[in-house]
Protein backbone atom coordinates (compact mmCIF):
# COMPACT_ATOMS: atom_id res chain seq x y z
CA UNK A 1 -3.72 -4.58 -0.01
CA UNK A 2 -3.24 -5.66 -1.75
CA UNK A 3 -2.49 -3.58 0.55
CA UNK A 4 -2.52 -1.45 0.17
CA UNK A 5 -2.03 -0.22 -0.04
CA UNK A 6 -4.47 2.53 -1.76
CA UNK A 7 -6.29 5.68 -1.93
CA UNK A 8 -8.33 8.27 -3.89
CA UNK A 9 -8.12 12.02 -3.75
CA UNK A 10 -11.07 13.49 -1.90
CA UNK A 11 -12.55 16.93 -1.53
CA UNK A 12 -10.96 19.09 1.06
CA UNK A 13 -7.31 18.11 0.14
CA UNK A 14 -4.46 20.49 0.88
CA UNK A 15 -3.45 22.57 -2.18
CA UNK A 16 -1.48 21.25 -5.09
CA UNK A 17 1.35 23.59 -4.20
CA UNK A 18 1.67 22.27 -0.69
CA UNK A 19 1.53 18.67 -2.04
CA UNK A 20 4.42 19.46 -4.40
CA UNK A 21 6.55 20.87 -1.63
CA UNK A 22 5.66 17.94 0.66
CA UNK A 23 6.38 15.32 -1.88
CA UNK A 24 10.03 16.41 -1.97
CA UNK A 25 10.14 16.68 1.79
CA UNK A 26 8.65 13.27 2.23
CA UNK A 27 11.17 11.78 -0.23
CA UNK A 28 13.99 13.37 1.66
CA UNK A 29 12.59 12.09 4.94
CA UNK A 30 12.21 8.54 3.74
CA UNK A 31 15.63 8.47 2.09
CA UNK A 32 17.24 9.85 5.19
CA UNK A 33 15.51 7.46 7.49
CA UNK A 34 16.24 4.40 5.42
CA UNK A 35 19.88 5.40 4.97
CA UNK A 36 20.26 5.50 8.74
CA UNK A 37 18.63 2.06 9.29
CA UNK A 38 19.49 0.04 6.14
CA UNK A 39 23.22 0.41 6.65
CA UNK A 40 23.29 -0.31 10.36
CA UNK A 41 22.66 -3.51 12.25
CA UNK A 42 19.03 -4.43 12.22
CA UNK A 43 17.01 -5.61 15.18
CA UNK A 44 17.01 -9.37 15.51
CA UNK A 45 13.32 -9.47 14.60
CA UNK A 46 11.77 -10.88 11.51
CA UNK A 47 9.06 -8.32 11.60
CA UNK A 48 6.08 -10.54 12.30
CA UNK A 49 4.68 -13.08 14.66
CA UNK A 50 5.35 -11.09 17.72
CA UNK A 51 3.06 -11.05 20.79
CA UNK A 52 0.76 -8.07 20.66
CA UNK A 53 -0.21 -7.54 24.27
CA UNK A 54 -1.02 -4.41 26.20
CA UNK A 55 -0.04 -3.30 29.69
CA UNK A 56 -2.70 -2.80 32.30
CA UNK A 57 -4.11 0.69 32.20
CA UNK A 58 -2.53 1.43 28.85
CA UNK A 59 -5.83 1.81 27.02
CA UNK A 60 -6.12 5.26 25.37
CA UNK A 61 -9.86 4.93 24.41
CA UNK A 62 -12.88 3.94 26.38
CA UNK A 63 -15.16 1.38 24.61
CA UNK A 64 -18.79 0.56 25.51
CA UNK A 65 -19.88 -2.85 26.83
CA UNK A 66 -21.39 -4.78 23.99
CA UNK A 67 -22.32 -8.11 25.39
CA UNK A 68 -24.43 -10.06 22.98
CA UNK A 69 -23.60 -7.84 20.03
CA UNK A 70 -22.27 -9.46 16.82
CA UNK A 71 -20.38 -7.92 14.00
CA UNK A 72 -19.12 -8.99 10.60
CA UNK A 73 -15.99 -7.27 9.21
CA UNK A 74 -15.01 -7.75 5.62
CA UNK A 75 -11.61 -7.02 3.95
CA UNK A 76 -9.54 -8.41 1.06
CA UNK A 77 -6.65 -9.26 3.34
CA UNK A 78 -5.26 -12.85 3.31
CA UNK A 79 -2.47 -14.77 5.00
CA UNK A 80 -0.49 -13.22 7.72
CA UNK A 81 -2.06 -9.80 7.07
CA UNK A 82 -5.49 -11.25 7.77
CA UNK A 83 -4.15 -13.25 10.76
CA UNK A 84 -2.67 -10.15 12.31
CA UNK A 85 -5.78 -8.10 11.87
CA UNK A 86 -7.82 -10.83 13.55
CA UNK A 87 -5.73 -10.34 16.66
CA UNK A 88 -6.86 -6.68 16.66
CA UNK A 89 -10.51 -7.85 16.42
CA UNK A 90 -9.86 -10.30 19.23
CA UNK A 91 -8.70 -7.40 21.47
CA UNK A 92 -11.91 -5.49 20.58
CA UNK A 93 -13.92 -8.55 21.55
CA UNK A 94 -12.20 -8.88 24.86
CA UNK A 95 -12.70 -5.27 25.71
CA UNK A 96 -16.37 -5.02 24.67
CA UNK A 97 -17.91 -8.42 24.96
CA UNK A 98 -18.95 -8.29 21.26
CA UNK A 99 -18.42 -11.26 18.89
CA UNK A 100 -16.69 -10.29 15.68
CA UNK A 101 -16.48 -12.50 12.54
CA UNK A 102 -13.89 -11.75 9.79
CA UNK A 103 -15.41 -12.16 6.30
CA UNK A 104 -12.80 -12.68 3.52
CA UNK A 105 -13.73 -10.54 0.56
CA UNK A 106 -12.55 -10.69 -3.07
CA UNK A 107 -11.40 -8.01 -5.53
CA UNK A 108 -13.13 -5.86 -6.62
CA UNK A 109 -14.49 -5.39 -3.16
CA UNK A 110 -17.33 -3.11 -4.36
CA UNK A 111 -18.74 -5.98 -6.45
CA UNK A 112 -18.31 -8.34 -3.51
CA UNK A 113 -20.21 -5.96 -1.19
CA UNK A 114 -22.84 -5.27 -3.79
CA UNK A 115 -23.68 -9.02 -3.99
CA UNK A 116 -23.79 -9.17 -0.19
CA UNK A 117 -26.09 -6.12 0.03
CA UNK A 118 -28.34 -7.38 -2.78
CA UNK A 119 -28.65 -10.67 -0.81
CA UNK A 120 -29.73 -8.76 2.27
CA UNK A 121 -26.59 -9.70 4.29
CA UNK A 122 -24.02 -6.95 4.18
CA UNK A 123 -21.16 -6.94 6.65
CA UNK A 124 -21.33 -4.41 9.37
CA UNK A 125 -17.93 -2.91 8.57
CA UNK A 126 -15.70 -3.14 5.48
CA UNK A 127 -12.11 -2.22 4.93
CA UNK A 128 -11.81 -0.65 1.60
CA UNK A 129 -8.48 -0.65 -0.22
CA UNK A 130 -9.23 2.28 -2.51
CA UNK A 131 -10.55 5.77 -1.95
CA UNK A 132 -12.54 5.35 -5.09
CA UNK A 133 -14.23 2.45 -3.41
CA UNK A 134 -15.11 4.64 -0.46
CA UNK A 135 -16.71 7.25 -2.69
CA UNK A 136 -18.59 4.48 -4.56
CA UNK A 137 -19.87 3.11 -1.25
CA UNK A 138 -21.15 6.58 -0.26
CA UNK A 139 -22.66 7.27 -3.77
CA UNK A 140 -24.55 3.99 -3.66
CA UNK A 141 -25.94 4.86 -0.24
CA UNK A 142 -24.11 1.98 1.47
CA UNK A 143 -21.70 3.77 3.78
CA UNK A 144 -22.84 5.42 7.02
CA UNK A 145 -21.26 8.62 8.48
CA UNK A 146 -18.61 8.17 11.14
CA UNK A 147 -20.00 8.76 14.66
CA UNK A 148 -18.91 11.33 17.21
CA UNK A 149 -16.61 9.01 19.19
CA UNK A 150 -14.78 7.82 16.16
CA UNK A 151 -14.54 11.38 14.86
CA UNK A 152 -13.01 12.49 18.20
CA UNK A 153 -10.30 9.77 17.76
CA UNK A 154 -9.68 10.93 14.21
CA UNK A 155 -9.25 14.54 15.31
CA UNK A 156 -6.97 13.59 18.10
CA UNK A 157 -4.74 11.05 16.26
CA UNK A 158 -4.74 11.85 12.54
CA UNK A 159 -3.23 14.71 10.43
CA UNK A 160 -5.96 16.61 8.59
CA UNK A 161 -4.91 15.10 5.21
CA UNK A 162 -5.64 11.64 6.42
CA UNK A 163 -9.03 12.75 7.81
CA UNK A 164 -9.93 14.43 4.56
CA UNK A 165 -9.25 11.26 2.57
CA UNK A 166 -12.08 9.64 4.44
CA UNK A 167 -14.61 12.42 3.61
CA UNK A 168 -17.06 12.52 0.68
CA UNK A 169 -18.83 15.80 0.10
CA UNK A 170 -17.27 17.32 3.22
CA UNK A 171 -18.72 14.50 5.55
CA UNK A 172 -16.58 11.92 7.29
CA UNK A 173 -17.35 8.33 6.21
CA UNK A 174 -14.00 6.48 6.63
CA UNK A 175 -11.24 5.79 9.07
CA UNK A 176 -7.85 5.05 7.50
CA UNK A 177 -6.64 2.21 9.64
CA UNK A 178 -3.69 1.07 7.48
CA UNK A 179 -1.23 2.96 5.38
CA UNK A 180 1.59 2.04 3.05
CA UNK A 181 4.72 3.56 1.74
CA UNK A 182 4.78 2.15 -1.80
CA UNK A 183 8.07 3.57 -2.96
CA UNK A 184 10.53 1.06 -1.66
CA UNK A 185 12.86 -1.54 -3.07
CA UNK A 186 13.90 -4.46 -0.85
CA UNK A 187 17.08 -6.42 -1.47
CA UNK A 188 18.85 -9.56 -0.44
CA UNK A 189 21.97 -8.33 1.32
CA UNK A 190 23.94 -11.57 0.60
CA UNK A 191 23.28 -11.10 -3.12
CA UNK A 192 24.48 -7.48 -3.06
CA UNK A 193 27.53 -8.46 -1.09
CA UNK A 194 28.51 -11.21 -3.47
CA UNK A 195 27.89 -8.98 -6.54
CA UNK A 196 29.63 -5.94 -5.04
CA UNK A 197 26.43 -3.98 -5.69
CA UNK A 198 25.53 -0.71 -4.05
CA UNK A 199 22.18 0.89 -3.24
CA UNK A 200 21.24 3.06 -6.24
CA UNK A 201 19.77 6.53 -6.02
CA UNK A 202 18.76 7.08 -9.61
CA UNK A 203 17.02 5.01 -12.29
CA UNK A 204 20.23 4.82 -14.28
CA UNK A 205 22.07 3.59 -11.24
CA UNK A 206 19.24 1.10 -10.49
CA UNK A 207 19.62 -0.43 -14.03
CA UNK A 208 23.43 -0.61 -13.60
CA UNK A 209 22.95 -2.24 -10.16
CA UNK A 210 20.61 -4.81 -11.69
CA UNK A 211 23.19 -5.62 -14.42
CA UNK A 212 25.84 -5.95 -11.80
CA UNK A 213 23.67 -8.45 -9.88
CA UNK A 214 22.99 -10.33 -13.13
CA UNK A 215 26.64 -10.49 -13.91
CA UNK A 216 27.16 -12.18 -10.48
CA UNK A 217 24.85 -15.06 -11.48
CA UNK A 218 21.58 -13.99 -9.90
CA UNK A 219 18.50 -12.56 -11.71
CA UNK A 220 18.21 -9.04 -10.37
CA UNK A 221 14.53 -8.15 -10.05
CA UNK A 222 11.45 -10.00 -8.95
CA UNK A 223 8.18 -8.82 -10.34
CA UNK A 224 4.73 -10.08 -9.09
CA UNK A 225 3.06 -9.56 -12.47
CA UNK A 226 0.14 -11.99 -11.80
CA UNK A 227 -1.22 -9.28 -9.58
CA UNK A 228 -1.91 -6.21 -11.75
CA UNK A 229 -1.78 -3.80 -8.86
CA UNK A 230 1.95 -4.28 -8.43
CA UNK A 231 2.42 -3.05 -12.08
CA UNK A 232 0.34 0.10 -11.49
CA UNK A 233 2.71 0.83 -8.55
CA UNK A 234 5.77 0.54 -10.82
CA UNK A 235 4.16 2.86 -13.26
CA UNK A 236 3.15 5.43 -10.64
CA UNK A 237 6.49 5.72 -9.11
CA UNK A 238 8.22 6.17 -12.43
CA UNK A 239 5.53 8.66 -13.58
CA UNK A 240 5.50 10.72 -10.34
CA UNK A 241 9.24 11.09 -10.43
CA UNK A 242 9.57 11.72 -14.22
CA UNK A 243 6.48 13.84 -14.94
CA UNK A 244 6.15 15.48 -11.54
CA UNK A 245 3.34 15.87 -8.98
CA UNK A 246 1.19 18.30 -10.93
CA UNK A 247 0.82 16.09 -13.99
CA UNK A 248 0.43 13.06 -11.60
CA UNK A 249 -2.60 14.78 -10.03
CA UNK A 250 -4.06 15.72 -13.40
CA UNK A 251 -3.64 12.22 -14.78
CA UNK A 252 -5.14 10.79 -11.62
CA UNK A 253 -8.22 12.81 -12.23
CA UNK A 254 -8.17 12.10 -16.01
CA UNK A 255 -7.69 15.74 -16.81
CA UNK A 256 -5.05 14.71 -19.27
CA UNK A 257 -5.24 11.59 -21.39
CA UNK A 258 -3.38 8.50 -21.17
CA UNK A 259 -2.11 9.18 -24.68
CA UNK A 260 -0.22 12.17 -23.30
CA UNK A 261 3.49 12.24 -24.11
CA UNK A 262 4.29 12.09 -20.37
CA UNK A 263 2.68 8.61 -20.18
CA UNK A 264 4.71 7.55 -23.24
CA UNK A 265 7.90 8.68 -21.43
CA UNK A 266 6.99 6.67 -18.36
CA UNK A 267 6.22 3.52 -20.22
CA UNK A 268 9.40 3.86 -22.28
CA UNK A 269 11.37 4.13 -19.08
CA UNK A 270 9.67 1.06 -17.62
CA UNK A 271 10.43 -0.84 -20.79
CA UNK A 272 14.19 -0.40 -20.10
CA UNK A 273 13.61 -2.89 -17.26
CA UNK A 274 10.65 -4.88 -18.33
CA UNK A 275 11.92 -5.27 -21.83
CA UNK A 276 15.24 -6.93 -20.76
CA UNK A 277 14.32 -10.52 -19.93
CA UNK A 278 17.71 -11.00 -18.28
CA UNK A 279 16.78 -8.57 -15.57
CA UNK A 280 13.36 -9.94 -14.58
CA UNK A 281 13.03 -13.26 -12.71
CA UNK A 282 11.48 -15.75 -15.08
CA UNK A 283 11.32 -13.20 -17.83
CA UNK A 284 8.06 -11.48 -18.63
CA UNK A 285 6.11 -14.78 -18.93
CA UNK A 286 7.42 -15.91 -15.57
CA UNK A 287 6.67 -12.64 -13.88
CA UNK A 288 3.03 -12.82 -15.22
CA UNK A 289 2.67 -16.14 -13.39
CA UNK A 290 4.20 -14.86 -10.17
CA UNK A 291 1.78 -13.58 -7.51
CA UNK A 292 2.93 -10.77 -5.17
CA UNK A 293 3.70 -12.97 -2.04
CA UNK A 294 5.85 -15.31 -4.16
CA UNK A 295 7.63 -12.35 -5.62
CA UNK A 296 8.86 -11.54 -2.19
CA UNK A 297 9.56 -14.93 -0.79
CA UNK A 298 11.62 -16.02 -3.84
CA UNK A 299 13.89 -12.99 -3.28
CA UNK A 300 14.72 -14.18 0.28
CA UNK A 301 14.93 -17.90 -0.12
CA UNK A 302 17.41 -20.12 -1.81
CA UNK A 303 20.65 -19.17 0.04
CA UNK A 304 23.29 -17.57 -2.19
CA UNK A 305 21.18 -18.33 -5.25
CA UNK A 306 17.72 -16.97 -4.78
CA UNK A 307 15.46 -16.45 -7.81
CA UNK A 308 15.92 -12.67 -7.64
CA UNK A 309 18.08 -10.21 -5.72
CA UNK A 310 15.57 -7.34 -5.37
CA UNK A 311 11.77 -6.85 -5.19
CA UNK A 312 9.87 -3.56 -5.41
CA UNK A 313 6.83 -2.95 -3.16
CA UNK A 314 5.66 -1.20 -0.04
CA UNK A 315 6.44 -1.54 3.66
CA UNK A 316 4.01 -4.39 3.84
CA UNK A 317 6.62 -6.62 2.20
CA UNK A 318 7.80 -7.21 5.77
CA UNK A 319 4.87 -9.61 6.22
CA UNK A 320 6.04 -11.76 3.40
CA UNK A 321 9.76 -11.57 4.37
CA UNK A 322 8.69 -12.88 7.75
CA UNK A 323 7.53 -16.07 6.07
CA UNK A 324 11.19 -16.76 5.17
CA UNK A 325 14.23 -17.17 7.39
CA UNK A 326 15.46 -13.73 6.36
CA UNK A 327 15.72 -11.01 9.04
CA UNK A 328 14.72 -7.42 8.24
CA UNK A 329 17.72 -5.12 8.76
CA UNK A 330 20.31 -7.86 8.33
CA UNK A 331 19.34 -10.36 5.55
CA UNK A 332 16.85 -7.96 4.02
CA UNK A 333 17.33 -4.28 3.58
CA UNK A 334 15.53 -1.49 1.71
CA UNK A 335 16.22 1.63 -0.28
CA UNK A 336 13.83 4.32 -1.63
CA UNK A 337 12.50 3.90 -5.24
CA UNK A 338 15.19 5.48 -7.36
CA UNK A 339 14.73 9.00 -8.80
CA UNK A 340 13.79 8.95 -12.51
CA UNK A 341 13.49 12.70 -12.67
CA UNK A 342 14.67 15.40 -10.22
CA UNK A 343 13.11 13.88 -7.16
CA UNK A 344 12.65 10.39 -5.77
CA UNK A 345 8.89 9.50 -5.73
CA UNK A 346 6.86 8.89 -2.59
CA UNK A 347 3.58 7.08 -3.38
CA UNK A 348 1.34 6.11 -0.42
CA UNK A 349 -1.82 4.09 -0.05
CA UNK A 350 -4.18 2.75 2.67
CA UNK A 351 -7.16 0.84 3.80
CA UNK A 352 -10.21 2.57 5.15
CA UNK A 353 -12.84 1.24 7.53
CA UNK A 354 -16.50 2.16 6.76
CA UNK A 355 -19.73 1.24 8.47
CA UNK A 356 -22.29 -0.44 6.20
CA UNK A 357 -24.82 -1.43 8.98
CA UNK A 358 -25.06 1.30 11.52
CA UNK A 359 -25.13 0.24 15.12
CA UNK A 360 -23.46 1.02 18.47
CA UNK A 361 -21.11 -1.96 17.98
CA UNK A 362 -20.10 -0.94 14.43
CA UNK A 363 -19.42 2.65 15.43
CA UNK A 364 -17.38 1.33 18.49
CA UNK A 365 -15.20 -0.73 16.19
CA UNK A 366 -14.51 2.33 14.03
CA UNK A 367 -13.59 4.23 17.23
CA UNK A 368 -11.21 1.44 18.24
CA UNK A 369 -9.63 1.31 14.74
CA UNK A 370 -9.06 5.15 14.95
CA UNK A 371 -7.28 4.84 18.27
CA UNK A 372 -3.61 4.11 19.00
CA UNK A 373 -4.68 0.93 20.84
CA UNK A 374 -5.71 -1.00 17.77
CA UNK A 375 -2.80 0.21 15.58
CA UNK A 376 -0.27 -0.55 18.23
CA UNK A 377 -1.35 -4.23 18.37
CA UNK A 378 -0.84 -4.69 14.60
CA UNK A 379 2.35 -2.52 14.53
CA UNK A 380 4.02 -4.92 16.97
CA UNK A 381 3.27 -7.85 14.61
CA UNK A 382 5.15 -6.33 11.73
CA UNK A 383 4.38 -5.67 8.02
CA UNK A 384 2.00 -2.89 8.94
CA UNK A 385 2.17 0.92 8.87
CA UNK A 386 -0.34 3.23 10.67
CA UNK A 387 -1.16 6.84 9.71
CA UNK A 388 -2.09 7.32 13.38
CA UNK A 389 0.42 9.81 14.63
CA UNK A 390 0.01 8.74 18.29
CA UNK A 391 1.21 5.27 17.70
CA UNK A 392 4.72 5.11 19.44
CA UNK A 393 7.57 4.33 17.12
CA UNK A 394 8.77 1.72 19.64
CA UNK A 395 5.74 -0.41 18.71
CA UNK A 396 7.32 -1.29 15.41
CA UNK A 397 9.44 -4.42 15.66
CA UNK A 398 12.63 -3.32 13.87
CA UNK A 399 14.65 -0.25 12.94
CA UNK A 400 13.70 -0.37 9.34
CA UNK A 401 9.94 -0.32 10.04
CA UNK A 402 10.35 2.38 12.70
CA UNK A 403 12.14 4.54 10.14
CA UNK A 404 9.38 4.09 7.58
CA UNK A 405 6.60 4.92 10.14
CA UNK A 406 8.51 7.96 11.29
CA UNK A 407 8.83 9.26 7.77
CA UNK A 408 5.17 8.73 7.07
CA UNK A 409 4.06 10.68 10.12
CA UNK A 410 6.60 13.38 9.45
CA UNK A 411 5.04 13.97 6.06
CA UNK A 412 1.89 15.29 7.87
CA UNK A 413 -0.84 16.26 5.33
CA UNK A 414 1.44 16.19 2.41
CA UNK A 415 1.88 13.03 0.26
CA UNK A 416 0.88 11.57 -3.07
CA UNK A 417 -1.56 8.64 -3.14
CA UNK A 418 -1.64 5.61 -5.36
CA UNK A 419 -3.05 6.83 -8.76
CA UNK A 420 -5.02 3.61 -9.60
CA UNK A 421 -6.86 3.95 -6.30
CA UNK A 422 -8.01 7.40 -7.23
CA UNK A 423 -9.64 6.03 -10.41
CA UNK A 424 -13.07 4.38 -10.72
CA UNK A 425 -12.58 0.77 -9.57
CA UNK A 426 -13.54 -0.54 -13.08
CA UNK A 427 -10.28 1.06 -14.41
CA UNK A 428 -7.87 1.11 -11.52
CA UNK A 429 -8.94 -1.80 -9.23
CA UNK A 430 -10.33 -4.74 -11.14
CA UNK A 431 -8.37 -7.92 -11.88
CA UNK A 432 -8.14 -8.70 -15.61
CA UNK A 433 -9.54 -5.30 -16.69
CA UNK A 434 -8.53 -1.66 -17.08
CA UNK A 435 -5.13 -0.53 -15.93
CA UNK A 436 -4.18 -3.84 -14.33
CA UNK A 437 -4.82 -5.77 -17.60
CA UNK A 438 -3.19 -3.12 -19.84
CA UNK A 439 0.06 -3.11 -17.86
CA UNK A 440 0.09 -6.82 -17.67
CA UNK A 441 -0.08 -6.89 -21.47
CA UNK A 442 2.67 -4.28 -21.62
CA UNK A 443 4.93 -6.36 -19.38
CA UNK A 444 4.49 -9.10 -21.91
CA UNK A 445 5.17 -6.79 -24.84
CA UNK A 446 7.07 -3.65 -23.63
CA UNK A 447 7.66 -2.54 -27.21
CA UNK A 448 4.01 -1.65 -27.72
CA UNK A 449 4.07 1.76 -25.98
CA UNK A 450 1.50 3.35 -28.33
CA UNK A 451 -0.95 0.43 -28.18
CA UNK A 452 -0.75 0.36 -24.37
CA UNK A 453 -1.52 4.06 -24.21
CA UNK A 454 -4.48 3.72 -26.53
CA UNK A 455 -5.94 0.82 -24.49
CA UNK A 456 -5.37 2.64 -21.21
CA UNK A 457 -7.14 5.78 -22.54
CA UNK A 458 -10.05 3.78 -23.96
CA UNK A 459 -10.67 2.01 -20.69
CA UNK A 460 -10.10 5.16 -18.61
CA UNK A 461 -12.52 7.28 -20.70
CA UNK A 462 -15.22 4.60 -20.31
CA UNK A 463 -14.66 4.19 -16.61
CA UNK A 464 -14.60 7.89 -15.74
CA UNK A 465 -17.63 8.57 -17.87
CA UNK A 466 -19.46 5.80 -16.05
């Protein structure tokens, strides 16, 4: 993720009606869970860097002996996220005898994989951060169906909705190993205390809180605008809450145009924040030069005078907070993305494992990734959220992350996924192009609502037609 958070709608989803009911239920669950944890004393754990070990006899899945087998696993993860996943792969090696090499991929990952496949050297398994990418991998004939052992783990450990997201044409091709709650705002508790600021519940209250923080001498909001995907997440949360889930689904499928008045409303709302240079760390120009990891760390470093008091993004922010001295639950707390309309939004995402070179070892790795064993290792390390319902909440290293995980599992089949990841990757998942570029341009010039809509529609029409 980018983590990813990030996901595309697939055939076999639950109905739109059940999704609408569940979006409200999930929002309530997240809000309730975070209220209980954000206000109380947090665990004295920074949320990363823990020791991920297992007790003897605790394995929930039996894996084959694979002595002599070699695997390459590709993903776009970097930094602590990559390091933590490598510990999961090490566990797989120890249990099977296989040798696994992690291959760093670049965005867009479909282009990266395409070059590898054209060169005759595809990785055995890839973690795809968009559902659209899963579908493309299947359509291109790259992805191989999930084997019976991995399917058994999916059936046992995953809600039907998460299984369906890994299907194309009714056949299972992917295992969602990593999930994300992308409707969270993390804040520096010292900044809030000094400003006398309170956690907001609505967009108006959010802007008021931001101005209160500004008046205290700290720039309120950090935006990682150098990474276009963070800006799509801002838009999606505003749009889902303001326009509602039905229009969200239709826009995600391009059944309505980006020139629709509902898109104008969402961009106009975003401009209330993005258009006020006093509210954005570094102003728009500074935000466009700030990558996502720095947008987090600059919020939680600098003592009483950090570069920003708040940063919006998913649960995976915990990985980056862990790179500072701040402790989640005490120095760093979180509240749900504020309600712009009647309901607070809940946008989710995820990374899916697919087999590109079918083998006993590759299928065994998918089986492992679909089990609680693999997810528990990374959960203990922090900055990670699993859709696997059989991962014990106690595996998460602090109360905030346990609450977020509980809310995700409680939502069952019902959630809304990252819209940009439902789009063709040319529109919703390519740096410097499509939605990422259009929203970066809009951050620089938030007055140009109509021009931004026209550019978004032009790029979307071309991508969906292609």
